[in-house]
Amino acid sequence: MDILLGLKIVAALATVATGLYAFVKPSAAYGFVGLSAEGARGLSEMRSIFGGLFIGLGMAPFFLVEAGYTILGIGYAAIAAARAFSIVYDRSYAQSNIISLVTEIVLGIILVV
């Protein structure tokens, strides 16, 4: 296995792990996304969007192989583009936002290459 494939697998597994964490413990999502789940509806959104969607996208490469890595990479690139816009437009220059942006760009590049 080459290094790039290893990095892609790690990226996919990290995405699944993030999704599982948000699914199992949605109230902890505040620590890594800055959102709090209020009431049953908020918990449902945390579990479904930050949980289910991330689990599904992270698992895609294990079912779709190379196309799945590309799909996941495009997802991270889209998140990075939206975050970059928000950082500038909303003046949201928090260190955690910059770290997230860099992480999403790096993961997007690794997964699409």
PDB file of N, CA and C in Angstrom:
ATOM      1  N   MET A   1       0.851  -1.182   0.000  1.00  0.00           N
ATOM      2  CA  MET A   1       0.000   0.000   0.000  1.00  0.00           C
ATOM      3  C   MET A   1       0.891   1.238   0.000  1.00  0.00           C
ATOM      4  N   ASP A   2       0.570   2.175  -0.891  1.00  0.00           N
ATOM      5  CA  ASP A   2       1.372   3.392  -0.931  1.00  0.00           C
ATOM      6  C   ASP A   2       0.902   4.398   0.123  1.00  0.00           C
ATOM      7  N   ILE A   3       1.707   5.419   0.338  1.00  0.00           N
ATOM      8  CA  ILE A   3       1.437   6.407   1.391  1.00  0.00           C
ATOM      9  C   ILE A   3       0.138   7.154   1.125  1.00  0.00           C
ATOM     10  N   LEU A   4      -0.112   7.547  -0.119  1.00  0.00           N
ATOM     11  CA  LEU A   4      -1.317   8.309  -0.442  1.00  0.00           C
ATOM     12  C   LEU A   4      -2.579   7.504  -0.137  1.00  0.00           C
ATOM     13  N   LEU A   5      -2.588   6.231  -0.495  1.00  0.00           N
ATOM     14  CA  LEU A   5      -3.745   5.393  -0.176  1.00  0.00           C
ATOM     15  C   LEU A   5      -3.916   5.275   1.328  1.00  0.00           C
ATOM     16  N   GLY A   6      -2.828   5.143   2.048  1.00  0.00           N
ATOM     17  CA  GLY A   6      -2.893   5.084   3.512  1.00  0.00           C
ATOM     18  C   GLY A   6      -3.496   6.350   4.099  1.00  0.00           C
ATOM     19  N   LEU A   7      -3.098   7.508   3.560  1.00  0.00           N
ATOM     20  CA  LEU A   7      -3.652   8.778   4.027  1.00  0.00           C
ATOM     21  C   LEU A   7      -5.141   8.877   3.706  1.00  0.00           C
ATOM     22  N   LYS A   8      -5.540   8.379   2.541  1.00  0.00           N
ATOM     23  CA  LYS A   8      -6.955   8.390   2.168  1.00  0.00           C
ATOM     24  C   LYS A   8      -7.777   7.523   3.120  1.00  0.00           C
ATOM     25  N   ILE A   9      -7.249   6.371   3.464  1.00  0.00           N
ATOM     26  CA  ILE A   9      -7.948   5.472   4.384  1.00  0.00           C
ATOM     27  C   ILE A   9      -8.072   6.134   5.764  1.00  0.00           C
ATOM     28  N   VAL A  10      -6.989   6.756   6.227  1.00  0.00           N
ATOM     29  CA  VAL A  10      -7.023   7.452   7.516  1.00  0.00           C
ATOM     30  C   VAL A  10      -8.062   8.577   7.479  1.00  0.00           C
ATOM     31  N   ALA A  11      -8.115   9.337   6.382  1.00  0.00           N
ATOM     32  CA  ALA A  11      -9.079  10.432   6.252  1.00  0.00           C
ATOM     33  C   ALA A  11     -10.509   9.902   6.300  1.00  0.00           C
ATOM     34  N   ALA A  12     -10.760   8.805   5.592  1.00  0.00           N
ATOM     35  CA  ALA A  12     -12.103   8.218   5.589  1.00  0.00           C
ATOM     36  C   ALA A  12     -12.468   7.713   6.983  1.00  0.00           C
ATOM     37  N   LEU A  13     -11.541   7.027   7.633  1.00  0.00           N
ATOM     38  CA  LEU A  13     -11.810   6.516   8.983  1.00  0.00           C
ATOM     39  C   LEU A  13     -11.995   7.648   9.993  1.00  0.00           C
ATOM     40  N   ALA A  14     -11.239   8.731   9.843  1.00  0.00           N
ATOM     41  CA  ALA A  14     -11.403   9.885  10.734  1.00  0.00           C
ATOM     42  C   ALA A  14     -12.776  10.521  10.533  1.00  0.00           C
ATOM     43  N   THR A  15     -13.250  10.532   9.304  1.00  0.00           N
ATOM     44  CA  THR A  15     -14.584  11.059   9.018  1.00  0.00           C
ATOM     45  C   THR A  15     -15.643  10.191   9.686  1.00  0.00           C
ATOM     46  N   VAL A  16     -15.494   8.880   9.573  1.00  0.00           N
ATOM     47  CA  VAL A  16     -16.429   7.953  10.223  1.00  0.00           C
ATOM     48  C   VAL A  16     -16.380   8.146  11.739  1.00  0.00           C
ATOM     49  N   ALA A  17     -15.180   8.258  12.295  1.00  0.00           N
ATOM     50  CA  ALA A  17     -15.031   8.418  13.749  1.00  0.00           C
ATOM     51  C   ALA A  17     -15.697   9.713  14.224  1.00  0.00           C
ATOM     52  N   THR A  18     -15.528  10.782  13.468  1.00  0.00           N
ATOM     53  CA  THR A  18     -16.175  12.048  13.811  1.00  0.00           C
ATOM     54  C   THR A  18     -17.689  11.885  13.792  1.00  0.00           C
ATOM     55  N   GLY A  19     -18.178  11.209  12.764  1.00  0.00           N
ATOM     56  CA  GLY A  19     -19.615  10.961  12.661  1.00  0.00           C
ATOM     57  C   GLY A  19     -20.144  10.098  13.791  1.00  0.00           C
ATOM     58  N   LEU A  20     -19.402   9.057  14.136  1.00  0.00           N
ATOM     59  CA  LEU A  20     -19.821   8.185  15.241  1.00  0.00           C
ATOM     60  C   LEU A  20     -19.857   8.952  16.556  1.00  0.00           C
ATOM     61  N   TYR A  21     -18.879   9.795  16.764  1.00  0.00           N
ATOM     62  CA  TYR A  21     -18.820  10.593  17.993  1.00  0.00           C
ATOM     63  C   TYR A  21     -20.037  11.515  18.079  1.00  0.00           C
ATOM     64  N   ALA A  22     -20.344  12.191  16.981  1.00  0.00           N
ATOM     65  CA  ALA A  22     -21.500  13.089  16.973  1.00  0.00           C
ATOM     66  C   ALA A  22     -22.809  12.318  17.104  1.00  0.00           C
ATOM     67  N   PHE A  23     -22.860  11.115  16.559  1.00  0.00           N
ATOM     68  CA  PHE A  23     -24.070  10.297  16.639  1.00  0.00           C
ATOM     69  C   PHE A  23     -24.297   9.788  18.060  1.00  0.00           C
ATOM     70  N   VAL A  24     -23.242   9.269  18.674  1.00  0.00           N
ATOM     71  CA  VAL A  24     -23.348   8.685  20.009  1.00  0.00           C
ATOM     72  C   VAL A  24     -23.469   9.759  21.088  1.00  0.00           C
ATOM     73  N   LYS A  25     -22.757  10.855  20.915  1.00  0.00           N
ATOM     74  CA  LYS A  25     -22.738  11.902  21.946  1.00  0.00           C
ATOM     75  C   LYS A  25     -22.965  13.272  21.301  1.00  0.00           C
ATOM     76  N   PRO A  26     -24.186  13.525  20.822  1.00  0.00           N
ATOM     77  CA  PRO A  26     -24.440  14.780  20.103  1.00  0.00           C
ATOM     78  C   PRO A  26     -24.225  16.028  20.949  1.00  0.00           C
ATOM     79  N   SER A  27     -24.391  15.922  22.256  1.00  0.00           N
ATOM     80  CA  SER A  27     -24.182  17.093  23.110  1.00  0.00           C
ATOM     81  C   SER A  27     -22.715  17.517  23.132  1.00  0.00           C
ATOM     82  N   ALA A  28     -21.807  16.618  22.816  1.00  0.00           N
ATOM     83  CA  ALA A  28     -20.373  16.932  22.794  1.00  0.00           C
ATOM     84  C   ALA A  28     -19.983  17.665  21.507  1.00  0.00           C
ATOM     85  N   ALA A  29     -20.897  17.731  20.548  1.00  0.00           N
ATOM     86  CA  ALA A  29     -20.585  18.391  19.285  1.00  0.00           C
ATOM     87  C   ALA A  29     -20.224  19.856  19.480  1.00  0.00           C
ATOM     88  N   TYR A  30     -20.709  20.464  20.546  1.00  0.00           N
ATOM     89  CA  TYR A  30     -20.395  21.867  20.803  1.00  0.00           C
ATOM     90  C   TYR A  30     -18.882  22.072  20.857  1.00  0.00           C
ATOM     91  N   GLY A  31     -18.177  21.103  21.412  1.00  0.00           N
ATOM     92  CA  GLY A  31     -16.734  21.213  21.543  1.00  0.00           C
ATOM     93  C   GLY A  31     -15.999  21.262  20.221  1.00  0.00           C
ATOM     94  N   PHE A  32     -16.559  20.642  19.171  1.00  0.00           N
ATOM     95  CA  PHE A  32     -15.827  20.658  17.911  1.00  0.00           C
ATOM     96  C   PHE A  32     -16.529  21.381  16.771  1.00  0.00           C
ATOM     97  N   VAL A  33     -17.767  21.801  16.945  1.00  0.00           N
ATOM     98  CA  VAL A  33     -18.402  22.607  15.905  1.00  0.00           C
ATOM     99  C   VAL A  33     -18.971  23.915  16.431  1.00  0.00           C
ATOM    100  N   GLY A  34     -18.987  24.091  17.729  1.00  0.00           N
ATOM    101  CA  GLY A  34     -19.476  25.333  18.298  1.00  0.00           C
ATOM    102  C   GLY A  34     -20.989  25.470  18.294  1.00  0.00           C
ATOM    103  N   LEU A  35     -21.692  24.376  18.044  1.00  0.00           N
ATOM    104  CA  LEU A  35     -23.156  24.389  18.057  1.00  0.00           C
ATOM    105  C   LEU A  35     -23.657  23.558  19.220  1.00  0.00           C
ATOM    106  N   SER A  36     -24.748  23.982  19.791  1.00  0.00           N
ATOM    107  CA  SER A  36     -25.334  23.182  20.865  1.00  0.00           C
ATOM    108  C   SER A  36     -26.664  22.615  20.399  1.00  0.00           C
ATOM    109  N   ALA A  37     -26.944  21.417  20.826  1.00  0.00           N
ATOM    110  CA  ALA A  37     -28.193  20.737  20.476  1.00  0.00           C
ATOM    111  C   ALA A  37     -29.218  21.013  21.556  1.00  0.00           C
ATOM    112  N   GLU A  38     -30.209  21.808  21.236  1.00  0.00           N
ATOM    113  CA  GLU A  38     -31.251  22.151  22.202  1.00  0.00           C
ATOM    114  C   GLU A  38     -32.494  21.327  21.912  1.00  0.00           C
ATOM    115  N   GLY A  39     -32.965  20.584  22.882  1.00  0.00           N
ATOM    116  CA  GLY A  39     -34.182  19.805  22.743  1.00  0.00           C
ATOM    117  C   GLY A  39     -34.021  18.605  21.832  1.00  0.00           C
ATOM    118  N   ALA A  40     -35.116  17.870  21.684  1.00  0.00           N
ATOM    119  CA  ALA A  40     -35.093  16.641  20.887  1.00  0.00           C
ATOM    120  C   ALA A  40     -34.791  16.922  19.419  1.00  0.00           C
ATOM    121  N   ARG A  41     -35.325  18.013  18.885  1.00  0.00           N
ATOM    122  CA  ARG A  41     -35.080  18.353  17.478  1.00  0.00           C
ATOM    123  C   ARG A  41     -33.602  18.663  17.240  1.00  0.00           C
ATOM    124  N   GLY A  42     -32.983  19.406  18.138  1.00  0.00           N
ATOM    125  CA  GLY A  42     -31.563  19.714  18.015  1.00  0.00           C
ATOM    126  C   GLY A  42     -30.699  18.473  18.086  1.00  0.00           C
ATOM    127  N   LEU A  43     -31.037  17.574  19.008  1.00  0.00           N
ATOM    128  CA  LEU A  43     -30.299  16.306  19.113  1.00  0.00           C
ATOM    129  C   LEU A  43     -30.434  15.500  17.827  1.00  0.00           C
ATOM    130  N   SER A  44     -31.639  15.489  17.270  1.00  0.00           N
ATOM    131  CA  SER A  44     -31.882  14.757  16.033  1.00  0.00           C
ATOM    132  C   SER A  44     -31.035  15.312  14.883  1.00  0.00           C
ATOM    133  N   GLU A  45     -30.938  16.636  14.809  1.00  0.00           N
ATOM    134  CA  GLU A  45     -30.118  17.252  13.764  1.00  0.00           C
ATOM    135  C   GLU A  45     -28.642  16.913  13.941  1.00  0.00           C
ATOM    136  N   MET A  46     -28.151  16.972  15.165  1.00  0.00           N
ATOM    137  CA  MET A  46     -26.750  16.633  15.425  1.00  0.00           C
ATOM    138  C   MET A  46     -26.471  15.182  15.030  1.00  0.00           C
ATOM    139  N   ARG A  47     -27.352  14.287  15.459  1.00  0.00           N
ATOM    140  CA  ARG A  47     -27.154  12.866  15.138  1.00  0.00           C
ATOM    141  C   ARG A  47     -27.225  12.615  13.631  1.00  0.00           C
ATOM    142  N   SER A  48     -28.173  13.253  12.954  1.00  0.00           N
ATOM    143  CA  SER A  48     -28.364  12.965  11.533  1.00  0.00           C
ATOM    144  C   SER A  48     -27.332  13.650  10.642  1.00  0.00           C
ATOM    145  N   ILE A  49     -27.115  14.958  10.830  1.00  0.00           N
ATOM    146  CA  ILE A  49     -26.195  15.683   9.943  1.00  0.00           C
ATOM    147  C   ILE A  49     -24.734  15.439  10.301  1.00  0.00           C
ATOM    148  N   PHE A  50     -24.364  15.732  11.546  1.00  0.00           N
ATOM    149  CA  PHE A  50     -22.965  15.561  11.938  1.00  0.00           C
ATOM    150  C   PHE A  50     -22.636  14.101  12.222  1.00  0.00           C
ATOM    151  N   GLY A  51     -23.639  13.304  12.495  1.00  0.00           N
ATOM    152  CA  GLY A  51     -23.432  11.883  12.740  1.00  0.00           C
ATOM    153  C   GLY A  51     -23.614  11.068  11.476  1.00  0.00           C
ATOM    154  N   GLY A  52     -24.855  10.917  11.068  1.00  0.00           N
ATOM    155  CA  GLY A  52     -25.186  10.049   9.933  1.00  0.00           C
ATOM    156  C   GLY A  52     -24.511  10.425   8.629  1.00  0.00           C
ATOM    157  N   LEU A  53     -24.531  11.717   8.299  1.00  0.00           N
ATOM    158  CA  LEU A  53     -23.924  12.139   7.042  1.00  0.00           C
ATOM    159  C   LEU A  53     -22.416  11.878   7.032  1.00  0.00           C
ATOM    160  N   PHE A  54     -21.744  12.193   8.131  1.00  0.00           N
ATOM    161  CA  PHE A  54     -20.300  11.959   8.184  1.00  0.00           C
ATOM    162  C   PHE A  54     -19.974  10.465   8.185  1.00  0.00           C
ATOM    163  N   ILE A  55     -20.794   9.667   8.845  1.00  0.00           N
ATOM    164  CA  ILE A  55     -20.586   8.214   8.818  1.00  0.00           C
ATOM    165  C   ILE A  55     -20.741   7.708   7.382  1.00  0.00           C
ATOM    166  N   GLY A  56     -21.818   8.124   6.722  1.00  0.00           N
ATOM    167  CA  GLY A  56     -22.065   7.685   5.344  1.00  0.00           C
ATOM    168  C   GLY A  56     -20.988   8.125   4.374  1.00  0.00           C
ATOM    169  N   LEU A  57     -20.595   9.394   4.444  1.00  0.00           N
ATOM    170  CA  LEU A  57     -19.544   9.878   3.547  1.00  0.00           C
ATOM    171  C   LEU A  57     -18.204   9.198   3.828  1.00  0.00           C
ATOM    172  N   GLY A  58     -17.916   8.975   5.100  1.00  0.00           N
ATOM    173  CA  GLY A  58     -16.662   8.306   5.452  1.00  0.00           C
ATOM    174  C   GLY A  58     -16.633   6.846   5.029  1.00  0.00           C
ATOM    175  N   MET A  59     -17.793   6.216   4.994  1.00  0.00           N
ATOM    176  CA  MET A  59     -17.880   4.805   4.575  1.00  0.00           C
ATOM    177  C   MET A  59     -17.892   4.648   3.057  1.00  0.00           C
ATOM    178  N   ALA A  60     -18.272   5.696   2.330  1.00  0.00           N
ATOM    179  CA  ALA A  60     -18.396   5.620   0.871  1.00  0.00           C
ATOM    180  C   ALA A  60     -17.169   5.022   0.181  1.00  0.00           C
ATOM    181  N   PRO A  61     -15.950   5.430   0.554  1.00  0.00           N
ATOM    182  CA  PRO A  61     -14.790   4.854  -0.130  1.00  0.00           C
ATOM    183  C   PRO A  61     -14.651   3.340   0.041  1.00  0.00           C
ATOM    184  N   PHE A  62     -15.185   2.795   1.115  1.00  0.00           N
ATOM    185  CA  PHE A  62     -15.055   1.363   1.343  1.00  0.00           C
ATOM    186  C   PHE A  62     -16.064   0.565   0.516  1.00  0.00           C
ATOM    187  N   PHE A  63     -17.045   1.263  -0.055  1.00  0.00           N
ATOM    188  CA  PHE A  63     -18.014   0.617  -0.946  1.00  0.00           C
ATOM    189  C   PHE A  63     -17.781   0.996  -2.402  1.00  0.00           C
ATOM    190  N   LEU A  64     -17.352   2.225  -2.639  1.00  0.00           N
ATOM    191  CA  LEU A  64     -17.195   2.737  -3.998  1.00  0.00           C
ATOM    192  C   LEU A  64     -15.742   2.845  -4.431  1.00  0.00           C
ATOM    193  N   VAL A  65     -14.831   2.475  -3.565  1.00  0.00           N
ATOM    194  CA  VAL A  65     -13.388   2.513  -3.791  1.00  0.00           C
ATOM    195  C   VAL A  65     -12.953   3.923  -4.218  1.00  0.00           C
ATOM    196  N   GLU A  66     -12.290   4.054  -5.349  1.00  0.00           N
ATOM    197  CA  GLU A  66     -11.696   5.343  -5.737  1.00  0.00           C
ATOM    198  C   GLU A  66     -12.731   6.443  -5.888  1.00  0.00           C
ATOM    199  N   ALA A  67     -13.881   6.123  -6.461  1.00  0.00           N
ATOM    200  CA  ALA A  67     -14.935   7.142  -6.608  1.00  0.00           C
ATOM    201  C   ALA A  67     -15.387   7.650  -5.238  1.00  0.00           C
ATOM    202  N   GLY A  68     -15.404   6.766  -4.259  1.00  0.00           N
ATOM    203  CA  GLY A  68     -15.802   7.157  -2.908  1.00  0.00           C
ATOM    204  C   GLY A  68     -14.827   8.134  -2.282  1.00  0.00           C
ATOM    205  N   TYR A  69     -13.545   7.927  -2.511  1.00  0.00           N
ATOM    206  CA  TYR A  69     -12.543   8.871  -2.001  1.00  0.00           C
ATOM    207  C   TYR A  69     -12.732  10.235  -2.662  1.00  0.00           C
ATOM    208  N   THR A  70     -12.998  10.223  -3.963  1.00  0.00           N
ATOM    209  CA  THR A  70     -13.208  11.475  -4.687  1.00  0.00           C
ATOM    210  C   THR A  70     -14.449  12.200  -4.165  1.00  0.00           C
ATOM    211  N   ILE A  71     -15.527  11.463  -3.952  1.00  0.00           N
ATOM    212  CA  ILE A  71     -16.759  12.060  -3.418  1.00  0.00           C
ATOM    213  C   ILE A  71     -16.491  12.688  -2.055  1.00  0.00           C
ATOM    214  N   LEU A  72     -15.808  11.962  -1.194  1.00  0.00           N
ATOM    215  CA  LEU A  72     -15.488  12.484   0.134  1.00  0.00           C
ATOM    216  C   LEU A  72     -14.600  13.722   0.022  1.00  0.00           C
ATOM    217  N   GLY A  73     -13.626  13.684  -0.878  1.00  0.00           N
ATOM    218  CA  GLY A  73     -12.739  14.832  -1.091  1.00  0.00           C
ATOM    219  C   GLY A  73     -13.488  16.046  -1.604  1.00  0.00           C
ATOM    220  N   ILE A  74     -14.422  15.842  -2.519  1.00  0.00           N
ATOM    221  CA  ILE A  74     -15.240  16.948  -3.020  1.00  0.00           C
ATOM    222  C   ILE A  74     -16.083  17.513  -1.888  1.00  0.00           C
ATOM    223  N   GLY A  75     -16.580  16.641  -1.024  1.00  0.00           N
ATOM    224  CA  GLY A  75     -17.335  17.096   0.146  1.00  0.00           C
ATOM    225  C   GLY A  75     -16.499  17.998   1.032  1.00  0.00           C
ATOM    226  N   TYR A  76     -15.278  17.577   1.322  1.00  0.00           N
ATOM    227  CA  TYR A  76     -14.390  18.402   2.146  1.00  0.00           C
ATOM    228  C   TYR A  76     -14.033  19.707   1.436  1.00  0.00           C
ATOM    229  N   ALA A  77     -13.843  19.663   0.121  1.00  0.00           N
ATOM    230  CA  ALA A  77     -13.538  20.884  -0.625  1.00  0.00           C
ATOM    231  C   ALA A  77     -14.715  21.860  -0.575  1.00  0.00           C
ATOM    232  N   ALA A  78     -15.929  21.346  -0.673  1.00  0.00           N
ATOM    233  CA  ALA A  78     -17.116  22.203  -0.604  1.00  0.00           C
ATOM    234  C   ALA A  78     -17.255  22.820   0.792  1.00  0.00           C
ATOM    235  N   ILE A  79     -16.998  22.016   1.825  1.00  0.00           N
ATOM    236  CA  ILE A  79     -17.040  22.534   3.195  1.00  0.00           C
ATOM    237  C   ILE A  79     -15.987  23.626   3.360  1.00  0.00           C
ATOM    238  N   ALA A  80     -14.779  23.392   2.826  1.00  0.00           N
ATOM    239  CA  ALA A  80     -13.696  24.378   2.935  1.00  0.00           C
ATOM    240  C   ALA A  80     -14.066  25.671   2.211  1.00  0.00           C
ATOM    241  N   ALA A  81     -14.665  25.566   1.025  1.00  0.00           N
ATOM    242  CA  ALA A  81     -15.059  26.759   0.268  1.00  0.00           C
ATOM    243  C   ALA A  81     -16.101  27.567   1.040  1.00  0.00           C
ATOM    244  N   ALA A  82     -17.091  26.878   1.594  1.00  0.00           N
ATOM    245  CA  ALA A  82     -18.123  27.564   2.370  1.00  0.00           C
ATOM    246  C   ALA A  82     -17.527  28.193   3.625  1.00  0.00           C
ATOM    247  N   ARG A  83     -16.614  27.467   4.279  1.00  0.00           N
ATOM    248  CA  ARG A  83     -15.980  27.997   5.490  1.00  0.00           C
ATOM    249  C   ARG A  83     -15.107  29.213   5.152  1.00  0.00           C
ATOM    250  N   ALA A  84     -14.359  29.144   4.060  1.00  0.00           N
ATOM    251  CA  ALA A  84     -13.511  30.273   3.664  1.00  0.00           C
ATOM    252  C   ALA A  84     -14.372  31.510   3.397  1.00  0.00           C
ATOM    253  N   PHE A  85     -15.481  31.328   2.700  1.00  0.00           N
ATOM    254  CA  PHE A  85     -16.403  32.438   2.471  1.00  0.00           C
ATOM    255  C   PHE A  85     -16.880  33.008   3.799  1.00  0.00           C
ATOM    256  N   SER A  86     -17.287  32.129   4.709  1.00  0.00           N
ATOM    257  CA  SER A  86     -17.801  32.563   6.003  1.00  0.00           C
ATOM    258  C   SER A  86     -16.738  33.285   6.827  1.00  0.00           C
ATOM    259  N   ILE A  87     -15.511  32.792   6.786  1.00  0.00           N
ATOM    260  CA  ILE A  87     -14.432  33.434   7.535  1.00  0.00           C
ATOM    261  C   ILE A  87     -14.285  34.891   7.088  1.00  0.00           C
ATOM    262  N   VAL A  88     -14.323  35.109   5.775  1.00  0.00           N
ATOM    263  CA  VAL A  88     -14.160  36.469   5.249  1.00  0.00           C
ATOM    264  C   VAL A  88     -15.442  37.281   5.426  1.00  0.00           C
ATOM    265  N   TYR A  89     -16.554  36.759   4.962  1.00  0.00           N
ATOM    266  CA  TYR A  89     -17.821  37.494   4.969  1.00  0.00           C
ATOM    267  C   TYR A  89     -18.320  37.777   6.383  1.00  0.00           C
ATOM    268  N   ASP A  90     -18.240  36.758   7.246  1.00  0.00           N
ATOM    269  CA  ASP A  90     -18.735  36.902   8.619  1.00  0.00           C
ATOM    270  C   ASP A  90     -17.657  37.385   9.590  1.00  0.00           C
ATOM    271  N   ARG A  91     -16.443  37.551   9.074  1.00  0.00           N
ATOM    272  CA  ARG A  91     -15.297  37.948   9.900  1.00  0.00           C
ATOM    273  C   ARG A  91     -15.113  36.992  11.079  1.00  0.00           C
ATOM    274  N   SER A  92     -15.163  35.726  10.749  1.00  0.00           N
ATOM    275  CA  SER A  92     -15.064  34.675  11.771  1.00  0.00           C
ATOM    276  C   SER A  92     -13.648  34.105  11.763  1.00  0.00           C
ATOM    277  N   TYR A  93     -12.712  34.877  12.285  1.00  0.00           N
ATOM    278  CA  TYR A  93     -11.292  34.522  12.231  1.00  0.00           C
ATOM    279  C   TYR A  93     -10.819  33.733  13.458  1.00  0.00           C
ATOM    280  N   ALA A  94     -11.724  33.047  14.122  1.00  0.00           N
ATOM    281  CA  ALA A  94     -11.352  32.253  15.297  1.00  0.00           C
ATOM    282  C   ALA A  94     -10.317  31.203  14.899  1.00  0.00           C
ATOM    283  N   GLN A  95      -9.379  30.954  15.788  1.00  0.00           N
ATOM    284  CA  GLN A  95      -8.313  29.983  15.504  1.00  0.00           C
ATOM    285  C   GLN A  95      -8.895  28.619  15.135  1.00  0.00           C
ATOM    286  N   SER A  96      -9.944  28.197  15.822  1.00  0.00           N
ATOM    287  CA  SER A  96     -10.543  26.891  15.523  1.00  0.00           C
ATOM    288  C   SER A  96     -11.129  26.857  14.115  1.00  0.00           C
ATOM    289  N   ASN A  97     -11.611  27.989  13.642  1.00  0.00           N
ATOM    290  CA  ASN A  97     -12.157  28.060  12.290  1.00  0.00           C
ATOM    291  C   ASN A  97     -11.041  27.943  11.249  1.00  0.00           C
ATOM    292  N   ILE A  98      -9.928  28.580  11.511  1.00  0.00           N
ATOM    293  CA  ILE A  98      -8.775  28.507  10.600  1.00  0.00           C
ATOM    294  C   ILE A  98      -8.211  27.085  10.582  1.00  0.00           C
ATOM    295  N   ILE A  99      -8.114  26.461  11.748  1.00  0.00           N
ATOM    296  CA  ILE A  99      -7.628  25.079  11.828  1.00  0.00           C
ATOM    297  C   ILE A  99      -8.549  24.148  11.056  1.00  0.00           C
ATOM    298  N   SER A 100      -9.856  24.335  11.218  1.00  0.00           N
ATOM    299  CA  SER A 100     -10.818  23.513  10.479  1.00  0.00           C
ATOM    300  C   SER A 100     -10.656  23.715   8.976  1.00  0.00           C
ATOM    301  N   LEU A 101     -10.492  24.962   8.552  1.00  0.00           N
ATOM    302  CA  LEU A 101     -10.321  25.256   7.130  1.00  0.00           C
ATOM    303  C   LEU A 101      -9.088  24.555   6.563  1.00  0.00           C
ATOM    304  N   VAL A 102      -7.976  24.674   7.249  1.00  0.00           N
ATOM    305  CA  VAL A 102      -6.738  24.037   6.782  1.00  0.00           C
ATOM    306  C   VAL A 102      -6.918  22.517   6.722  1.00  0.00           C
ATOM    307  N   THR A 103      -7.536  21.954   7.749  1.00  0.00           N
ATOM    308  CA  THR A 103      -7.778  20.504   7.785  1.00  0.00           C
ATOM    309  C   THR A 103      -8.640  20.076   6.610  1.00  0.00           C
ATOM    310  N   GLU A 104      -9.704  20.812   6.340  1.00  0.00           N
ATOM    311  CA  GLU A 104     -10.605  20.463   5.236  1.00  0.00           C
ATOM    312  C   GLU A 104      -9.920  20.586   3.887  1.00  0.00           C
ATOM    313  N   ILE A 105      -9.087  21.598   3.716  1.00  0.00           N
ATOM    314  CA  ILE A 105      -8.339  21.748   2.461  1.00  0.00           C
ATOM    315  C   ILE A 105      -7.379  20.576   2.280  1.00  0.00           C
ATOM    316  N   VAL A 106      -6.635  20.241   3.329  1.00  0.00           N
ATOM    317  CA  VAL A 106      -5.663  19.145   3.248  1.00  0.00           C
ATOM    318  C   VAL A 106      -6.383  17.824   2.965  1.00  0.00           C
ATOM    319  N   LEU A 107      -7.463  17.547   3.692  1.00  0.00           N
ATOM    320  CA  LEU A 107      -8.201  16.301   3.457  1.00  0.00           C
ATOM    321  C   LEU A 107      -8.785  16.275   2.050  1.00  0.00           C
ATOM    322  N   GLY A 108      -9.326  17.405   1.598  1.00  0.00           N
ATOM    323  CA  GLY A 108      -9.878  17.468   0.242  1.00  0.00           C
ATOM    324  C   GLY A 108      -8.834  17.146  -0.820  1.00  0.00           C
ATOM    325  N   ILE A 109      -7.654  17.725  -0.661  1.00  0.00           N
ATOM    326  CA  ILE A 109      -6.568  17.474  -1.624  1.00  0.00           C
ATOM    327  C   ILE A 109      -6.135  16.021  -1.595  1.00  0.00           C
ATOM    328  N   ILE A 110      -5.903  15.494  -0.400  1.00  0.00           N
ATOM    329  CA  ILE A 110      -5.479  14.092  -0.270  1.00  0.00           C
ATOM    330  C   ILE A 110      -6.489  13.157  -0.919  1.00  0.00           C
ATOM    331  N   LEU A 111      -7.750  13.405  -0.680  1.00  0.00           N
ATOM    332  CA  LEU A 111      -8.792  12.489  -1.137  1.00  0.00           C
ATOM    333  C   LEU A 111      -9.083  12.602  -2.636  1.00  0.00           C
ATOM    334  N   VAL A 112      -8.858  13.761  -3.227  1.00  0.00           N
ATOM    335  CA  VAL A 112      -9.153  13.938  -4.647  1.00  0.00           C
ATOM    336  C   VAL A 112      -7.982  13.514  -5.536  1.00  0.00           C
ATOM    337  N   VAL A 113      -6.751  13.632  -5.012  1.00  0.00           N
ATOM    338  CA  VAL A 113      -5.561  13.287  -5.808  1.00  0.00           C
ATOM    339  C   VAL A 113      -5.512  11.806  -6.088  1.00  0.00           C
TER     340      VAL A 113
END
